[in-house]
PDB file of all heavy atoms in Angstrom:
ATOM      1  N   PRO A   1     125.487 -89.924 -62.443  1.00  0.00           N
ATOM      2  CA  PRO A   1     124.304 -90.471 -63.129  1.00  0.00           C
ATOM      3  C   PRO A   1     123.667 -89.472 -64.093  1.00  0.00           C
ATOM      4  O   PRO A   1     123.215 -89.855 -65.179  1.00  0.00           O
ATOM      5  CB  PRO A   1     123.361 -90.825 -61.979  1.00  0.00           C
ATOM      6  CG  PRO A   1     124.262 -91.082 -60.812  1.00  0.00           C
ATOM      7  CD  PRO A   1     125.382 -90.096 -60.975  1.00  0.00           C
ATOM      8  N   TYR A   2     123.641 -88.201 -63.708  1.00  0.00           N
ATOM      9  CA  TYR A   2     123.078 -87.184 -64.589  1.00  0.00           C
ATOM     10  C   TYR A   2     123.940 -87.030 -65.843  1.00  0.00           C
ATOM     11  O   TYR A   2     123.414 -86.974 -66.969  1.00  0.00           O
ATOM     12  CB  TYR A   2     122.970 -85.845 -63.849  1.00  0.00           C
ATOM     13  CG  TYR A   2     122.031 -85.882 -62.674  1.00  0.00           C
ATOM     14  CD1 TYR A   2     122.507 -86.108 -61.386  1.00  0.00           C
ATOM     15  CD2 TYR A   2     120.662 -85.715 -62.856  1.00  0.00           C
ATOM     16  CE1 TYR A   2     121.645 -86.161 -60.298  1.00  0.00           C
ATOM     17  CE2 TYR A   2     119.791 -85.759 -61.777  1.00  0.00           C
ATOM     18  CZ  TYR A   2     120.288 -85.991 -60.507  1.00  0.00           C
ATOM     19  OH  TYR A   2     119.417 -86.049 -59.439  1.00  0.00           O
ATOM     20  N   GLU A   3     125.257 -86.970 -65.671  1.00  0.00           N
ATOM     21  CA  GLU A   3     126.158 -86.824 -66.807  1.00  0.00           C
ATOM     22  C   GLU A   3     125.985 -87.977 -67.784  1.00  0.00           C
ATOM     23  O   GLU A   3     125.968 -87.786 -69.006  1.00  0.00           O
ATOM     24  CB  GLU A   3     127.604 -86.752 -66.312  1.00  0.00           C
ATOM     25  CG  GLU A   3     127.908 -85.512 -65.477  1.00  0.00           C
ATOM     26  CD  GLU A   3     129.279 -85.560 -64.827  1.00  0.00           C
ATOM     27  OE1 GLU A   3     129.759 -86.689 -64.570  1.00  0.00           O
ATOM     28  OE2 GLU A   3     129.871 -84.503 -64.574  1.00  0.00           O
ATOM     29  N   LEU A   4     125.843 -89.192 -67.266  1.00  0.00           N
ATOM     30  CA  LEU A   4     125.689 -90.363 -68.121  1.00  0.00           C
ATOM     31  C   LEU A   4     124.321 -90.394 -68.797  1.00  0.00           C
ATOM     32  O   LEU A   4     124.210 -90.715 -69.981  1.00  0.00           O
ATOM     33  CB  LEU A   4     125.896 -91.639 -67.284  1.00  0.00           C
ATOM     34  CG  LEU A   4     127.312 -91.847 -66.742  1.00  0.00           C
ATOM     35  CD1 LEU A   4     127.315 -92.967 -65.701  1.00  0.00           C
ATOM     36  CD2 LEU A   4     128.279 -92.174 -67.875  1.00  0.00           C
ATOM     37  N   LEU A   5     123.285 -90.050 -68.061  1.00  0.00           N
ATOM     38  CA  LEU A   5     121.923 -90.126 -68.601  1.00  0.00           C
ATOM     39  C   LEU A   5     121.635 -89.009 -69.587  1.00  0.00           C
ATOM     40  O   LEU A   5     120.827 -89.192 -70.504  1.00  0.00           O
ATOM     41  CB  LEU A   5     120.913 -90.105 -67.457  1.00  0.00           C
ATOM     42  CG  LEU A   5     120.867 -91.389 -66.635  1.00  0.00           C
ATOM     43  CD1 LEU A   5     120.149 -91.161 -65.310  1.00  0.00           C
ATOM     44  CD2 LEU A   5     120.200 -92.511 -67.406  1.00  0.00           C
ATOM     45  N   PHE A   6     122.271 -87.862 -69.427  1.00  0.00           N
ATOM     46  CA  PHE A   6     122.018 -86.750 -70.350  1.00  0.00           C
ATOM     47  C   PHE A   6     122.539 -87.058 -71.756  1.00  0.00           C
ATOM     48  O   PHE A   6     122.183 -86.377 -72.712  1.00  0.00           O
ATOM     49  CB  PHE A   6     122.660 -85.462 -69.832  1.00  0.00           C
ATOM     50  CG  PHE A   6     121.959 -84.867 -68.645  1.00  0.00           C
ATOM     51  CD1 PHE A   6     122.562 -83.878 -67.885  1.00  0.00           C
ATOM     52  CD2 PHE A   6     120.694 -85.303 -68.271  1.00  0.00           C
ATOM     53  CE1 PHE A   6     121.923 -83.332 -66.779  1.00  0.00           C
ATOM     54  CE2 PHE A   6     120.044 -84.763 -67.165  1.00  0.00           C
ATOM     55  CZ  PHE A   6     120.660 -83.784 -66.420  1.00  0.00           C
ATOM     56  N   ASP A   7     123.361 -88.084 -71.883  1.00  0.00           N
ATOM     57  CA  ASP A   7     123.848 -88.483 -73.199  1.00  0.00           C
ATOM     58  C   ASP A   7     122.866 -89.389 -73.933  1.00  0.00           C
ATOM     59  O   ASP A   7     123.089 -89.728 -75.083  1.00  0.00           O
ATOM     60  CB  ASP A   7     125.200 -89.209 -73.070  1.00  0.00           C
ATOM     61  CG  ASP A   7     126.322 -88.257 -72.655  1.00  0.00           C
ATOM     62  OD1 ASP A   7     126.204 -87.059 -72.951  1.00  0.00           O
ATOM     63  OD2 ASP A   7     127.287 -88.732 -72.038  1.00  0.00           O
ATOM     64  N   SER A   8     121.782 -89.790 -73.253  1.00  0.00           N
ATOM     65  CA  SER A   8     120.793 -90.670 -73.877  1.00  0.00           C
ATOM     66  C   SER A   8     119.479 -89.914 -74.035  1.00  0.00           C
ATOM     67  O   SER A   8     119.244 -88.900 -73.365  1.00  0.00           O
ATOM     68  CB  SER A   8     120.580 -91.919 -73.022  1.00  0.00           C
ATOM     69  OG  SER A   8     120.113 -91.582 -71.733  1.00  0.00           O
ATOM     70  N   PRO A   9     118.597 -90.379 -74.925  1.00  0.00           N
ATOM     71  CA  PRO A   9     117.334 -89.665 -75.154  1.00  0.00           C
ATOM     72  C   PRO A   9     116.333 -89.876 -74.024  1.00  0.00           C
ATOM     73  O   PRO A   9     116.471 -90.799 -73.215  1.00  0.00           O
ATOM     74  CB  PRO A   9     116.815 -90.293 -76.455  1.00  0.00           C
ATOM     75  CG  PRO A   9     117.392 -91.676 -76.447  1.00  0.00           C
ATOM     76  CD  PRO A   9     118.743 -91.557 -75.801  1.00  0.00           C
ATOM     77  N   GLY A  10     115.338 -89.008 -73.976  1.00  0.00           N
ATOM     78  CA  GLY A  10     114.224 -89.240 -73.067  1.00  0.00           C
ATOM     79  C   GLY A  10     114.326 -88.595 -71.722  1.00  0.00           C
ATOM     80  O   GLY A  10     113.671 -89.026 -70.770  1.00  0.00           O
ATOM     81  N   MET A  11     115.137 -87.553 -71.570  1.00  0.00           N
ATOM     82  CA  MET A  11     115.237 -86.870 -70.293  1.00  0.00           C
ATOM     83  C   MET A  11     114.124 -85.827 -70.197  1.00  0.00           C
ATOM     84  O   MET A  11     114.243 -84.720 -70.726  1.00  0.00           O
ATOM     85  CB  MET A  11     116.604 -86.193 -70.135  1.00  0.00           C
ATOM     86  CG  MET A  11     117.788 -87.142 -70.157  1.00  0.00           C
ATOM     87  SD  MET A  11     117.708 -88.422 -68.895  1.00  0.00           S
ATOM     88  CE  MET A  11     117.289 -89.841 -69.904  1.00  0.00           C
ATOM     89  N   ASP A  12     113.038 -86.173 -69.549  1.00  0.00           N
ATOM     90  CA  ASP A  12     111.874 -85.289 -69.510  1.00  0.00           C
ATOM     91  C   ASP A  12     112.005 -84.196 -68.473  1.00  0.00           C
ATOM     92  O   ASP A  12     111.730 -83.032 -68.745  1.00  0.00           O
ATOM     93  CB  ASP A  12     110.610 -86.110 -69.205  1.00  0.00           C
ATOM     94  CG  ASP A  12     110.354 -87.174 -70.237  1.00  0.00           C
ATOM     95  OD1 ASP A  12     110.430 -86.863 -71.447  1.00  0.00           O
ATOM     96  OD2 ASP A  12     110.081 -88.327 -69.859  1.00  0.00           O
ATOM     97  N   MET A  13     112.406 -84.579 -67.268  1.00  0.00           N
ATOM     98  CA  MET A  13     112.493 -83.622 -66.165  1.00  0.00           C
ATOM     99  C   MET A  13     113.641 -83.998 -65.240  1.00  0.00           C
ATOM    100  O   MET A  13     114.023 -85.169 -65.151  1.00  0.00           O
ATOM    101  CB  MET A  13     111.209 -83.624 -65.317  1.00  0.00           C
ATOM    102  CG  MET A  13     109.970 -83.150 -65.998  1.00  0.00           C
ATOM    103  SD  MET A  13     108.606 -83.097 -64.783  1.00  0.00           S
ATOM    104  CE  MET A  13     107.256 -82.638 -65.876  1.00  0.00           C
ATOM    105  N   VAL A  14     114.131 -82.989 -64.542  1.00  0.00           N
ATOM    106  CA  VAL A  14     115.037 -83.199 -63.410  1.00  0.00           C
ATOM    107  C   VAL A  14     114.416 -82.526 -62.208  1.00  0.00           C
ATOM    108  O   VAL A  14     114.022 -81.355 -62.282  1.00  0.00           O
ATOM    109  CB  VAL A  14     116.440 -82.628 -63.683  1.00  0.00           C
ATOM    110  CG1 VAL A  14     117.282 -82.652 -62.412  1.00  0.00           C
ATOM    111  CG2 VAL A  14     117.142 -83.414 -64.788  1.00  0.00           C
ATOM    112  N   MET A  15     114.310 -83.262 -61.101  1.00  0.00           N
ATOM    113  CA  MET A  15     113.759 -82.709 -59.866  1.00  0.00           C
ATOM    114  C   MET A  15     114.890 -82.241 -58.953  1.00  0.00           C
ATOM    115  O   MET A  15     115.922 -82.905 -58.827  1.00  0.00           O
ATOM    116  CB  MET A  15     112.909 -83.742 -59.123  1.00  0.00           C
ATOM    117  CG  MET A  15     112.361 -83.235 -57.792  1.00  0.00           C
ATOM    118  SD  MET A  15     111.349 -84.439 -56.901  1.00  0.00           S
ATOM    119  CE  MET A  15     109.806 -84.274 -57.802  1.00  0.00           C
ATOM    120  N   THR A  16     114.669 -81.104 -58.309  1.00  0.00           N
ATOM    121  CA  THR A  16     115.671 -80.528 -57.414  1.00  0.00           C
ATOM    122  C   THR A  16     115.681 -81.209 -56.052  1.00  0.00           C
ATOM    123  O   THR A  16     114.708 -81.843 -55.646  1.00  0.00           O
ATOM    124  CB  THR A  16     115.397 -79.038 -57.194  1.00  0.00           C
ATOM    125  OG1 THR A  16     114.190 -78.893 -56.412  1.00  0.00           O
ATOM    126  CG2 THR A  16     115.227 -78.294 -58.507  1.00  0.00           C
ATOM    127  N   ALA A  17     116.789 -81.042 -55.355  1.00  0.00           N
ATOM    128  CA  ALA A  17     116.900 -81.472 -53.952  1.00  0.00           C
ATOM    129  C   ALA A  17     116.902 -80.232 -53.062  1.00  0.00           C
ATOM    130  O   ALA A  17     117.497 -79.219 -53.411  1.00  0.00           O
ATOM    131  CB  ALA A  17     118.183 -82.263 -53.740  1.00  0.00           C
ATOM    132  N   HIS A  18     116.268 -80.334 -51.901  1.00  0.00           N
ATOM    133  CA  HIS A  18     116.263 -79.219 -50.943  1.00  0.00           C
ATOM    134  C   HIS A  18     117.476 -79.293 -50.017  1.00  0.00           C
ATOM    135  O   HIS A  18     117.367 -79.021 -48.823  1.00  0.00           O
ATOM    136  CB  HIS A  18     114.989 -79.268 -50.089  1.00  0.00           C
ATOM    137  CG  HIS A  18     113.720 -79.064 -50.835  1.00  0.00           C
ATOM    138  ND1 HIS A  18     113.614 -78.341 -52.011  1.00  0.00           N
ATOM    139  CD2 HIS A  18     112.456 -79.494 -50.564  1.00  0.00           C
ATOM    140  CE1 HIS A  18     112.352 -78.331 -52.424  1.00  0.00           C
ATOM    141  NE2 HIS A  18     111.640 -79.019 -51.572  1.00  0.00           N
ATOM    142  N   VAL A  19     118.609 -79.679 -50.565  1.00  0.00           N
ATOM    143  CA  VAL A  19     119.807 -79.813 -49.723  1.00  0.00           C
ATOM    144  C   VAL A  19     120.687 -78.579 -49.847  1.00  0.00           C
ATOM    145  O   VAL A  19     120.794 -77.972 -50.910  1.00  0.00           O
ATOM    146  CB  VAL A  19     120.609 -81.090 -50.101  1.00  0.00           C
ATOM    147  CG1 VAL A  19     119.815 -82.335 -49.790  1.00  0.00           C
ATOM    148  CG2 VAL A  19     121.045 -81.059 -51.563  1.00  0.00           C
ATOM    149  N   PHE A  20     121.315 -78.234 -48.738  1.00  0.00           N
ATOM    150  CA  PHE A  20     122.245 -77.109 -48.691  1.00  0.00           C
ATOM    151  C   PHE A  20     123.663 -77.636 -48.765  1.00  0.00           C
ATOM    152  O   PHE A  20     124.033 -78.571 -48.060  1.00  0.00           O
ATOM    153  CB  PHE A  20     122.049 -76.315 -47.398  1.00  0.00           C
ATOM    154  CG  PHE A  20     123.039 -75.194 -47.216  1.00  0.00           C
ATOM    155  CD1 PHE A  20     122.848 -73.972 -47.845  1.00  0.00           C
ATOM    156  CD2 PHE A  20     124.175 -75.370 -46.429  1.00  0.00           C
ATOM    157  CE1 PHE A  20     123.766 -72.936 -47.692  1.00  0.00           C
ATOM    158  CE2 PHE A  20     125.089 -74.338 -46.263  1.00  0.00           C
ATOM    159  CZ  PHE A  20     124.886 -73.122 -46.897  1.00  0.00           C
ATOM    160  N   ASN A  21     124.464 -77.033 -49.641  1.00  0.00           N
ATOM    161  CA  ASN A  21     125.872 -77.412 -49.785  1.00  0.00           C
ATOM    162  C   ASN A  21     126.687 -76.149 -49.944  1.00  0.00           C
ATOM    163  O   ASN A  21     126.696 -75.532 -51.023  1.00  0.00           O
ATOM    164  CB  ASN A  21     126.053 -78.335 -50.992  1.00  0.00           C
ATOM    165  CG  ASN A  21     127.466 -78.887 -51.107  1.00  0.00           C
ATOM    166  OD1 ASN A  21     128.399 -78.336 -50.533  1.00  0.00           O
ATOM    167  ND2 ASN A  21     127.611 -79.975 -51.851  1.00  0.00           N
ATOM    168  N   ALA A  22     127.347 -75.739 -48.886  1.00  0.00           N
ATOM    169  CA  ALA A  22     128.088 -74.469 -48.898  1.00  0.00           C
ATOM    170  C   ALA A  22     129.208 -74.469 -49.927  1.00  0.00           C
ATOM    171  O   ALA A  22     129.641 -73.408 -50.375  1.00  0.00           O
ATOM    172  CB  ALA A  22     128.661 -74.188 -47.509  1.00  0.00           C
ATOM    173  N   ARG A  23     129.654 -75.649 -50.349  1.00  0.00           N
ATOM    174  CA  ARG A  23     130.708 -75.719 -51.376  1.00  0.00           C
ATOM    175  C   ARG A  23     130.147 -75.366 -52.753  1.00  0.00           C
ATOM    176  O   ARG A  23     130.901 -74.961 -53.646  1.00  0.00           O
ATOM    177  CB  ARG A  23     131.330 -77.104 -51.397  1.00  0.00           C
ATOM    178  CG  ARG A  23     132.207 -77.402 -50.177  1.00  0.00           C
ATOM    179  CD  ARG A  23     132.852 -78.758 -50.301  1.00  0.00           C
ATOM    180  NE  ARG A  23     131.882 -79.841 -50.130  1.00  0.00           N
ATOM    181  CZ  ARG A  23     132.044 -81.068 -50.602  1.00  0.00           C
ATOM    182  NH1 ARG A  23     133.118 -81.383 -51.304  1.00  0.00           N
ATOM    183  NH2 ARG A  23     131.143 -82.007 -50.365  1.00  0.00           N
ATOM    184  N   LEU A  24     128.840 -75.535 -52.925  1.00  0.00           N
ATOM    185  CA  LEU A  24     128.209 -75.217 -54.203  1.00  0.00           C
ATOM    186  C   LEU A  24     127.538 -73.856 -54.183  1.00  0.00           C
ATOM    187  O   LEU A  24     127.512 -73.150 -55.183  1.00  0.00           O
ATOM    188  CB  LEU A  24     127.186 -76.296 -54.568  1.00  0.00           C
ATOM    189  CG  LEU A  24     127.699 -77.737 -54.647  1.00  0.00           C
ATOM    190  CD1 LEU A  24     126.561 -78.682 -55.020  1.00  0.00           C
ATOM    191  CD2 LEU A  24     128.846 -77.849 -55.637  1.00  0.00           C
TER     192      LEU A  24
END
């Protein structure tokens, strides 16, 4: 969804998640 939406105008903010992912 982020990849698709970043191609369109109007992206004001992105909010973080407090999730842990050892792969990342």
